[in-house]
Protein backbone atom coordinates (compact mmCIF):
# COMPACT_ATOMS: atom_id res chain seq x y z
CA MET A 1 -16.03 0.88 -7.75
CA GLN A 2 -18.07 -0.26 -10.75
CA HIS A 3 -16.39 -3.18 -12.52
CA LEU A 4 -16.70 -3.32 -16.27
CA HIS A 5 -20.37 -2.78 -16.91
CA SER A 6 -22.62 0.01 -18.15
CA ASN A 7 -24.15 2.41 -15.69
CA GLY A 8 -27.61 1.87 -17.19
CA GLN A 9 -27.94 5.26 -18.85
CA PRO A 10 -30.60 5.35 -21.60
CA GLU A 11 -29.47 4.32 -25.06
CA GLN A 12 -30.65 7.57 -26.65
CA LEU A 13 -27.80 9.35 -24.84
CA ILE A 14 -25.45 8.75 -27.78
CA LYS A 15 -27.77 9.00 -30.78
CA ASP A 16 -25.71 11.88 -32.13
CA ASP A 17 -22.65 10.82 -30.18
CA PHE A 18 -21.96 13.78 -27.98
CA THR A 19 -24.45 16.60 -27.81
CA VAL A 20 -26.46 15.42 -24.83
CA ALA A 21 -23.86 13.46 -22.82
CA PRO A 22 -23.93 14.92 -19.31
CA ASP A 23 -20.35 13.90 -18.46
CA PRO A 24 -17.53 11.82 -19.96
CA PHE A 25 -18.06 8.79 -17.74
CA SER A 26 -21.69 8.41 -18.84
CA LEU A 27 -20.59 8.48 -22.46
CA PHE A 28 -17.68 6.12 -21.78
CA ASP A 29 -19.99 3.61 -20.10
CA LEU A 30 -22.20 3.49 -23.17
CA TRP A 31 -19.34 3.22 -25.64
CA PHE A 32 -17.67 0.58 -23.50
CA ALA A 33 -20.86 -1.49 -23.33
CA GLU A 34 -20.95 -1.50 -27.14
CA ALA A 35 -17.25 -2.40 -27.29
CA ARG A 36 -17.79 -5.35 -24.96
CA ALA A 37 -20.56 -6.60 -27.23
CA LYS A 38 -18.64 -6.20 -30.51
CA GLU A 39 -14.87 -6.33 -29.94
CA ILE A 40 -13.51 -9.86 -30.31
CA ASN A 41 -10.60 -9.56 -27.88
CA ASP A 42 -10.03 -7.43 -24.78
CA PRO A 43 -12.35 -4.44 -25.17
CA ASN A 44 -10.87 -3.22 -21.89
CA ALA A 45 -7.34 -3.01 -23.33
CA MET A 46 -5.82 0.46 -23.15
CA ALA A 47 -2.44 1.74 -24.21
CA LEU A 48 -0.89 3.36 -21.14
CA ALA A 49 1.87 5.95 -21.51
CA THR A 50 4.20 6.93 -18.68
CA ALA A 51 7.51 8.79 -18.61
CA SER A 52 10.89 7.98 -17.10
CA PRO A 53 12.56 10.44 -14.70
CA ASP A 54 14.46 11.88 -17.68
CA LEU A 55 11.09 12.36 -19.47
CA LEU A 56 11.55 9.61 -22.06
CA PRO A 57 8.06 8.22 -22.73
CA ASN A 58 7.07 4.57 -22.53
CA VAL A 59 3.83 2.99 -23.72
CA ARG A 60 2.37 -0.48 -23.32
CA VAL A 61 -1.05 -2.12 -23.35
CA VAL A 62 -2.68 -2.91 -20.00
CA LEU A 63 -6.16 -4.09 -19.09
CA MET A 64 -8.54 -1.70 -17.40
CA LYS A 65 -10.17 -3.55 -14.54
CA GLY A 66 -12.57 -0.94 -13.21
CA VAL A 67 -14.09 2.43 -14.05
CA ASP A 68 -16.18 4.87 -12.07
CA PRO A 69 -16.39 8.68 -11.83
CA GLY A 70 -13.14 8.57 -9.86
CA GLY A 71 -11.14 7.23 -12.78
CA PHE A 72 -9.82 4.17 -14.62
CA VAL A 73 -8.20 1.35 -12.63
CA PHE A 74 -5.48 -1.10 -13.65
CA PHE A 75 -3.22 -3.42 -11.65
CA THR A 76 0.47 -4.14 -11.90
CA ASN A 77 3.73 -4.85 -10.10
CA SER A 78 4.85 -1.59 -8.47
CA GLU A 79 8.48 -2.68 -8.95
CA SER A 80 8.02 -2.98 -12.73
CA GLN A 81 9.22 -0.33 -15.15
CA LYS A 82 5.84 1.40 -15.24
CA GLY A 83 5.55 1.16 -11.48
CA GLY A 84 8.90 2.88 -11.06
CA GLU A 85 8.00 5.55 -13.57
CA LEU A 86 4.68 6.22 -11.87
CA ALA A 87 6.41 6.50 -8.50
CA ALA A 88 8.76 9.14 -9.92
CA ASN A 89 6.15 10.93 -12.03
CA PRO A 90 2.56 10.02 -11.08
CA GLN A 91 1.00 11.18 -14.34
CA ALA A 92 -0.06 9.17 -17.37
CA ALA A 93 -2.01 9.12 -20.60
CA ALA A 94 -4.09 6.28 -22.02
CA VAL A 95 -6.09 5.44 -25.12
CA PHE A 96 -8.75 2.86 -25.96
CA HIS A 97 -9.10 1.96 -29.66
CA TRP A 98 -12.15 -0.04 -30.67
CA LYS A 99 -11.53 -0.80 -34.33
CA SER A 100 -14.85 -2.56 -34.96
CA LEU A 101 -16.70 0.55 -33.73
CA ARG A 102 -14.30 3.00 -35.41
CA ARG A 103 -13.93 4.84 -32.12
CA GLN A 104 -11.21 5.80 -29.71
CA VAL A 105 -11.12 7.42 -26.28
CA ARG A 106 -7.98 9.03 -24.96
CA MET A 107 -7.26 10.63 -21.60
CA ARG A 108 -4.54 12.00 -19.41
CA GLY A 109 -4.19 12.99 -15.77
CA ARG A 110 -2.61 12.09 -12.48
CA VAL A 111 -2.27 8.53 -11.18
CA GLU A 112 -2.86 7.43 -7.60
CA ARG A 113 -2.67 4.08 -5.82
CA VAL A 114 -5.94 2.37 -4.96
CA THR A 115 -6.53 1.17 -1.41
CA ASP A 116 -5.04 -2.07 -0.13
CA ALA A 117 -8.58 -3.39 0.27
CA GLU A 118 -9.32 -2.80 -3.44
CA SER A 119 -6.06 -4.49 -4.43
CA ASP A 120 -6.76 -7.44 -2.10
CA ASP A 121 -10.26 -7.89 -3.50
CA TYR A 122 -9.10 -7.89 -7.10
CA PHE A 123 -6.09 -10.14 -6.45
CA ALA A 124 -8.38 -12.67 -4.73
CA SER A 125 -10.58 -12.74 -7.85
CA ARG A 126 -7.70 -13.65 -10.18
CA PRO A 127 -7.07 -17.22 -11.40
CA ARG A 128 -4.75 -19.07 -9.05
CA ASP A 129 -2.08 -19.48 -11.74
CA SER A 130 -2.04 -15.70 -12.24
CA GLN A 131 -1.66 -15.22 -8.50
CA ILE A 132 1.31 -17.62 -8.50
CA ALA A 133 2.86 -15.81 -11.45
CA ALA A 134 2.69 -12.49 -9.57
CA HIS A 135 4.98 -14.03 -6.95
CA ALA A 136 7.30 -15.74 -9.43
CA SER A 137 7.88 -12.84 -11.83
CA ALA A 138 10.42 -10.12 -11.11
CA GLN A 139 8.60 -8.02 -13.69
CA SER A 140 10.66 -5.89 -16.09
CA ARG A 141 13.99 -7.18 -14.79
CA PRO A 142 16.44 -9.26 -16.85
CA LEU A 143 15.71 -13.00 -17.16
CA ASP A 144 18.51 -15.33 -18.20
CA SER A 145 16.25 -18.06 -19.59
CA ARG A 146 12.66 -19.25 -19.78
CA GLU A 147 13.69 -22.27 -17.72
CA THR A 148 14.56 -20.00 -14.79
CA PHE A 149 11.07 -18.51 -14.82
CA ASP A 150 9.47 -21.95 -15.14
CA ALA A 151 11.49 -23.11 -12.13
CA ARG A 152 10.34 -20.10 -10.09
CA LEU A 153 6.73 -20.85 -11.05
CA ALA A 154 7.14 -24.45 -9.91
CA GLU A 155 8.73 -23.33 -6.65
CA GLU A 156 5.93 -20.87 -5.85
CA THR A 157 3.28 -23.42 -6.82
CA SER A 158 4.78 -25.92 -4.39
CA HIS A 159 5.17 -23.28 -1.67
CA TYR A 160 1.47 -22.38 -1.71
CA GLU A 161 0.10 -25.89 -2.28
CA GLY A 162 -3.08 -26.30 -0.26
CA ALA A 163 -3.10 -22.66 0.85
CA ASP A 164 -4.49 -19.36 -0.37
CA VAL A 165 -2.05 -17.24 -2.35
CA PRO A 166 -1.61 -13.83 -0.68
CA ARG A 167 -1.23 -10.62 -2.62
CA PRO A 168 2.45 -9.61 -2.81
CA ALA A 169 3.12 -6.27 -1.11
CA TYR A 170 4.58 -4.95 -4.37
CA TRP A 171 1.48 -5.78 -6.44
CA GLY A 172 -1.56 -3.52 -6.53
CA GLY A 173 -3.86 -1.13 -8.31
CA TYR A 174 -3.52 2.31 -9.81
CA ARG A 175 -6.24 4.77 -10.72
CA LEU A 176 -5.80 7.18 -13.62
CA VAL A 177 -7.76 10.28 -12.59
CA PRO A 178 -8.27 12.17 -15.84
CA THR A 179 -8.37 15.92 -16.27
CA SER A 180 -8.99 15.46 -20.00
CA ILE A 181 -10.98 12.78 -21.87
CA GLU A 182 -11.38 12.98 -25.64
CA PHE A 183 -13.89 10.93 -27.64
CA TRP A 184 -13.26 10.35 -31.35
CA HIS A 185 -15.69 8.73 -33.80
CA ASP A 186 -14.72 8.01 -37.38
CA ARG A 187 -16.88 9.50 -40.16
CA PRO A 188 -16.46 9.25 -43.96
CA PHE A 189 -14.15 11.68 -45.74
CA ARG A 190 -12.42 12.83 -42.53
CA ARG A 191 -15.61 14.37 -41.19
CA HIS A 192 -14.88 12.74 -37.85
CA ASP A 193 -16.51 13.71 -34.57
CA ARG A 194 -14.20 14.84 -31.76
CA ILE A 195 -15.19 16.18 -28.39
CA VAL A 196 -13.05 16.73 -25.34
CA PHE A 197 -14.21 16.96 -21.75
CA SER A 198 -11.73 18.79 -19.52
CA ARG A 199 -11.35 20.08 -15.98
CA PRO A 200 -8.45 21.70 -14.11
CA ASP A 201 -8.59 19.14 -11.28
CA ALA A 202 -10.64 16.21 -10.02
CA ASN A 203 -12.88 18.43 -7.89
CA SER A 204 -13.90 20.78 -10.71
CA PRO A 205 -16.84 20.42 -13.09
CA TRP A 206 -16.29 19.19 -16.63
CA THR A 207 -16.38 21.51 -19.62
CA ARG A 208 -17.08 20.17 -23.12
CA THR A 209 -15.54 21.37 -26.36
CA ARG A 210 -16.00 20.11 -29.91
CA LEU A 211 -12.78 19.99 -31.96
CA TYR A 212 -12.05 20.09 -35.65
CA PRO A 213 -11.17 16.57 -36.85
């Protein structure tokens, strides 16, 4: 899996935004490289939408931690609200909005768990305090006071003093495997550029369609 860097495609690929992009991931890599250079905070932030078993949608911002032609990877507690919703309905939508570039990319598709090895590797790369917090937080469940959470953090810190912090079994990665990716670029007077890449499933080739703005 490629972690948060461009795939080295030539810069001329996006001179007119869309017309020569061979696939959505090549175009995303180039846009994302520009976002990393120009966005002040969290260019890898994406709004992730899931749905509850009764089809009520939920959306929150998560950090994309990897992208390759297989999809977009993020990590979370599988016992959190989004983890439960993805277990019941493993489909999601997401959007990146890069305000400084006046661009957004949105996608939707199925969601699958990444391998334990991928989750272990990423968890091991996290700051130690974040690793401790993954053990201390019963994510999305009621918390009676901040002091209770602080006490749990202190307890877990003491428990793992002098030792590596293992990845909790309930914490891991998810890959959004898109069947649709839409690129939007702002232009004056609502003459925006929109193009959508789509495919019926992950094993099919992409088709490209320009849309009215």
